[in-house]
Every structure is written in structure tokens, then in C-alpha cells.
Amino acid sequence: GDLGYSHPLVASVRAIMETLDIPATVQPSMSELSALLVRDIPSVTLGLTHAEHYNELDETVQIEPLFRGLAQVIATLQVIDQSLATDA
């Protein structure tokens, strides 16, 4: 399953990514995400940085984009927290 672009969590994450100048990538995810979505738990996957040569001996991970990636996580957690406070 997926939430669709109009879900508040997806819209918020896309706005955060736009603010931080992080390009959105939409692709199928083979992760724990599908287990959450199938149980109707709103979920998204956030990328923290860029990497090359996944699962190979010469795999590399870029450090500089990690700072914006962490800012994205913090902002997303704030949105979730505000949403929970509003729903309570």
C-alpha cells in the first residue's frame, strides 16, 4: 500500500524536503515500510544522504548531505509530534 500524495504526512514531508532543497524520489520500497502501511500506520521512508555501490566492497556514503538529512528527520518528527498533540 501507499499513503498517496494527499496524505498530511506525505504533504508535510514533501514541504520539508522542498524547504531543505532535498529532491524527492518516489520508488517502491522493500523495507519495513510495507509492513506498517499494510496495518494502516502512516509511514514514509526518509533518505539521510547519498551512497554509491550499495552492498559492494567499495560502497561509499557522502557525509555532507547527512546534515540536511538529519534536519529532515527532526522536522518530520516535529510534524508528527504537532499532529499527535492536535489529535489529543
C-alpha atoms as a PDB file:
ATOM      1  CA  GLY A   1       0.000   0.000   0.000  1.00  0.00           C
ATOM      2  CA  ASP A   2       0.877   3.645  -0.012  1.00  0.00           C
ATOM      3  CA  LEU A   3      -0.455   6.815   1.560  1.00  0.00           C
ATOM      4  CA  GLY A   4      -0.802   8.838  -1.619  1.00  0.00           C
ATOM      5  CA  TYR A   5       0.389  12.383  -2.192  1.00  0.00           C
ATOM      6  CA  SER A   6      -2.581  13.986  -0.447  1.00  0.00           C
ATOM      7  CA  HIS A   7      -1.962  12.360   2.961  1.00  0.00           C
ATOM      8  CA  PRO A   8      -0.954  15.036   5.542  1.00  0.00           C
ATOM      9  CA  LEU A   9       2.263  13.188   6.465  1.00  0.00           C
ATOM     10  CA  VAL A  10       3.340  12.909   2.832  1.00  0.00           C
ATOM     11  CA  ALA A  11       2.440  16.546   2.131  1.00  0.00           C
ATOM     12  CA  SER A  12       4.389  17.684   5.202  1.00  0.00           C
ATOM     13  CA  VAL A  13       7.456  15.612   4.339  1.00  0.00           C
ATOM     14  CA  ARG A  14       7.421  16.897   0.756  1.00  0.00           C
ATOM     15  CA  ALA A  15       7.236  20.504   2.063  1.00  0.00           C
ATOM     16  CA  ILE A  16      10.149  19.820   4.431  1.00  0.00           C
ATOM     17  CA  MET A  17      12.196  18.332   1.599  1.00  0.00           C
ATOM     18  CA  GLU A  18      11.434  21.302  -0.630  1.00  0.00           C
ATOM     19  CA  THR A  19      12.480  23.732   2.111  1.00  0.00           C
ATOM     20  CA  LEU A  20      15.749  21.844   2.627  1.00  0.00           C
ATOM     21  CA  ASP A  21      16.308  21.537  -1.149  1.00  0.00           C
ATOM     22  CA  ILE A  22      16.208  17.738  -0.998  1.00  0.00           C
ATOM     23  CA  PRO A  23      14.923  16.209  -4.241  1.00  0.00           C
ATOM     24  CA  ALA A  24      12.016  13.819  -3.792  1.00  0.00           C
ATOM     25  CA  THR A  25      12.457  10.310  -5.098  1.00  0.00           C
ATOM     26  CA  VAL A  26       9.394   8.120  -5.396  1.00  0.00           C
ATOM     27  CA  GLN A  27      10.110   4.441  -5.830  1.00  0.00           C
ATOM     28  CA  PRO A  28       8.891   1.125  -4.468  1.00  0.00           C
ATOM     29  CA  SER A  29      10.330   0.301  -1.078  1.00  0.00           C
ATOM     30  CA  MET A  30      11.271  -3.189   0.013  1.00  0.00           C
ATOM     31  CA  SER A  31      11.504  -2.419   3.709  1.00  0.00           C
ATOM     32  CA  GLU A  32       9.644  -2.426   6.972  1.00  0.00           C
ATOM     33  CA  LEU A  33       7.576   0.407   5.487  1.00  0.00           C
ATOM     34  CA  SER A  34       5.248  -2.005   3.714  1.00  0.00           C
ATOM     35  CA  ALA A  35       4.551  -3.867   6.983  1.00  0.00           C
ATOM     36  CA  LEU A  36       3.459  -0.600   8.599  1.00  0.00           C
ATOM     37  CA  LEU A  37       1.356   0.576   5.664  1.00  0.00           C
ATOM     38  CA  VAL A  38      -0.486  -2.739   5.416  1.00  0.00           C
ATOM     39  CA  ARG A  39      -1.578  -2.140   9.035  1.00  0.00           C
ATOM     40  CA  ASP A  40      -2.780   1.390   8.167  1.00  0.00           C
ATOM     41  CA  ILE A  41       0.085   3.041  10.067  1.00  0.00           C
ATOM     42  CA  PRO A  42       1.050   6.221   8.174  1.00  0.00           C
ATOM     43  CA  SER A  43       4.709   5.848   7.210  1.00  0.00           C
ATOM     44  CA  VAL A  44       7.336   7.260   4.871  1.00  0.00           C
ATOM     45  CA  THR A  45      10.952   6.419   4.142  1.00  0.00           C
ATOM     46  CA  LEU A  46      13.450   9.251   4.555  1.00  0.00           C
ATOM     47  CA  GLY A  47      16.857   9.184   2.914  1.00  0.00           C
ATOM     48  CA  LEU A  48      19.598  10.723   5.022  1.00  0.00           C
ATOM     49  CA  THR A  49      22.415  11.014   2.499  1.00  0.00           C
ATOM     50  CA  HIS A  50      23.733   9.711  -0.824  1.00  0.00           C
ATOM     51  CA  ALA A  51      25.637   6.493  -1.347  1.00  0.00           C
ATOM     52  CA  GLU A  52      27.194   4.638  -4.244  1.00  0.00           C
ATOM     53  CA  HIS A  53      27.989   0.983  -4.894  1.00  0.00           C
ATOM     54  CA  TYR A  54      25.411  -0.349  -2.421  1.00  0.00           C
ATOM     55  CA  ASN A  55      26.346  -3.650  -0.760  1.00  0.00           C
ATOM     56  CA  GLU A  56      29.705  -3.787  -2.502  1.00  0.00           C
ATOM     57  CA  LEU A  57      33.239  -3.678  -1.108  1.00  0.00           C
ATOM     58  CA  ASP A  58      33.759  -0.162  -2.485  1.00  0.00           C
ATOM     59  CA  GLU A  59      30.476   1.247  -1.119  1.00  0.00           C
ATOM     60  CA  THR A  60      30.751   4.940  -0.228  1.00  0.00           C
ATOM     61  CA  VAL A  61      28.489   7.252   1.768  1.00  0.00           C
ATOM     62  CA  GLN A  62      28.617  11.037   1.451  1.00  0.00           C
ATOM     63  CA  ILE A  63      28.960  12.931   4.737  1.00  0.00           C
ATOM     64  CA  GLU A  64      27.913  16.489   3.719  1.00  0.00           C
ATOM     65  CA  PRO A  65      24.295  15.662   2.722  1.00  0.00           C
ATOM     66  CA  LEU A  66      23.861  13.918   6.070  1.00  0.00           C
ATOM     67  CA  PHE A  67      23.333  17.258   7.840  1.00  0.00           C
ATOM     68  CA  ARG A  68      20.284  18.107   5.694  1.00  0.00           C
ATOM     69  CA  GLY A  69      19.097  14.522   6.052  1.00  0.00           C
ATOM     70  CA  LEU A  70      19.171  14.795   9.842  1.00  0.00           C
ATOM     71  CA  ALA A  71      17.387  18.163   9.678  1.00  0.00           C
ATOM     72  CA  GLN A  72      14.719  16.420   7.587  1.00  0.00           C
ATOM     73  CA  VAL A  73      14.265  13.748  10.279  1.00  0.00           C
ATOM     74  CA  ILE A  74      13.997  16.324  13.067  1.00  0.00           C
ATOM     75  CA  ALA A  75      11.466  18.415  11.135  1.00  0.00           C
ATOM     76  CA  THR A  76       9.428  15.298  10.321  1.00  0.00           C
ATOM     77  CA  LEU A  77       9.390  14.274  13.990  1.00  0.00           C
ATOM     78  CA  GLN A  78       8.203  17.777  14.892  1.00  0.00           C
ATOM     79  CA  VAL A  79       5.345  17.499  12.382  1.00  0.00           C
ATOM     80  CA  ILE A  80       4.334  14.118  13.808  1.00  0.00           C
ATOM     81  CA  ASP A  81       4.545  15.469  17.366  1.00  0.00           C
ATOM     82  CA  GLN A  82       2.399  18.501  16.490  1.00  0.00           C
ATOM     83  CA  SER A  83      -0.114  16.242  14.762  1.00  0.00           C
ATOM     84  CA  LEU A  84      -0.379  13.978  17.802  1.00  0.00           C
ATOM     85  CA  ALA A  85      -0.775  16.986  20.112  1.00  0.00           C
ATOM     86  CA  THR A  86      -3.556  18.341  17.896  1.00  0.00           C
ATOM     87  CA  ASP A  87      -5.351  14.969  17.785  1.00  0.00           C
ATOM     88  CA  ALA A  88      -5.200  14.504  21.575  1.00  0.00           C
END
